[in-house]
Amino acid sequence: EMAKLQGATVVATASSHKLEAAQAAGADHILECDNHCKFASKVKDLFPNGVDVVYDSIGLKTADESLSCLKLRGACVLYDNSSGSPAVIFPTPTLAAGSWCM
């Protein structure tokens, strides 16, 4: 909701039972993603150059996919880590792609 208030186009991933909540929160695009969903290709279908920022609250199961969604100089914010902390993220591949992760 906060991103929408700032004029962002919001892409949300949600499990099947949370799709309505994502829509109610104002997401422009909602991608249904249950267990081990590969959402990066779906995001790239919508935004071929990638997205400016990804906020990832899942962590271990989704960090690599989240990083794959970024455009040049994009940012990935990992927080909460509900599926566990991701493995060590080596900055070299991410920085080589022109993006960064916090």
Foldseek 3Di string as FASTA:
>chain_A
DVCVVVPDAAEEEDAPVCQVVCVVVPHPHYHHDDDLDLCLVVLCVVPVQADQEAEAAQAASCPVSRLSRHHAQHEYEYPNNVNHHHDDDDCPVSVVRRYYYD
